[in-house]
């Protein structure tokens, strides 16, 4: 890989503070240097973004996969965590109330000071990012609403990118076409589907618990399609309590 830093791209309404914090967590978790890029900045500076991800390791969250897929650059590795897929605009546009409900539920489920602080901070950043970049966020909702995950994963696979799709069967935002994704995974050795146990905001509020269910901890190799949980020692897989 030509870049010293791997790249994490955040999702819709993730602030710079949030993507930088997650990049630091991934750096600590993997032992490799990562940098965070917001979804707004990835589209605002497409040439710089392409230079960052070319032949590099990339992790994306939610809508963060869309600038990766639309770029002319070819990442070496992509870990797509709860990636966006075609979703009605009204559902995406109503995401803030859904996030508020999910965060409130999380606080009720785990009413610890840490959980309350984490969830309220996430909500603060979401509201702030939407207020600061309202027009770009509206444009991004349109992009995400028509994003065909299966087609884009196939296109990246054909270009040689090694892809892990870490999707959540219980995702509040996205419903995945698993028949298509399984067919693509069966067709390409460099595509792996990995179902994870997480709610959509959990990468922000329970970062290590989500990372522990992906293959990020190790560089990909010939046994790429081995389940991440199979490559760890018994009991080493982290839970969302992290």
Foldseek 3Di string as FASTA:
>chain_A
DPDQAEEEEEDQLADLVLQQVLQVVLCVLQVGHYGYDYPLRCVVCVVVVLVRQACHAYEYAACRVLSVLVHPGAHQEYEYAQYFAAADLVLVVPVLVVLVVVLVVQCVVPVDPLSVVQSVVRNVSSVVSCVVPVPVSSVSSVSRNHHHVLVSVLVSVVVNHQYEHAHECPEPTDDDPVVSLVVSVVVGVRYEYFYDHDYRCLCRSQVQLRVLQDLSNDDADPVNRDGSVVVDDVPPRHHSVD
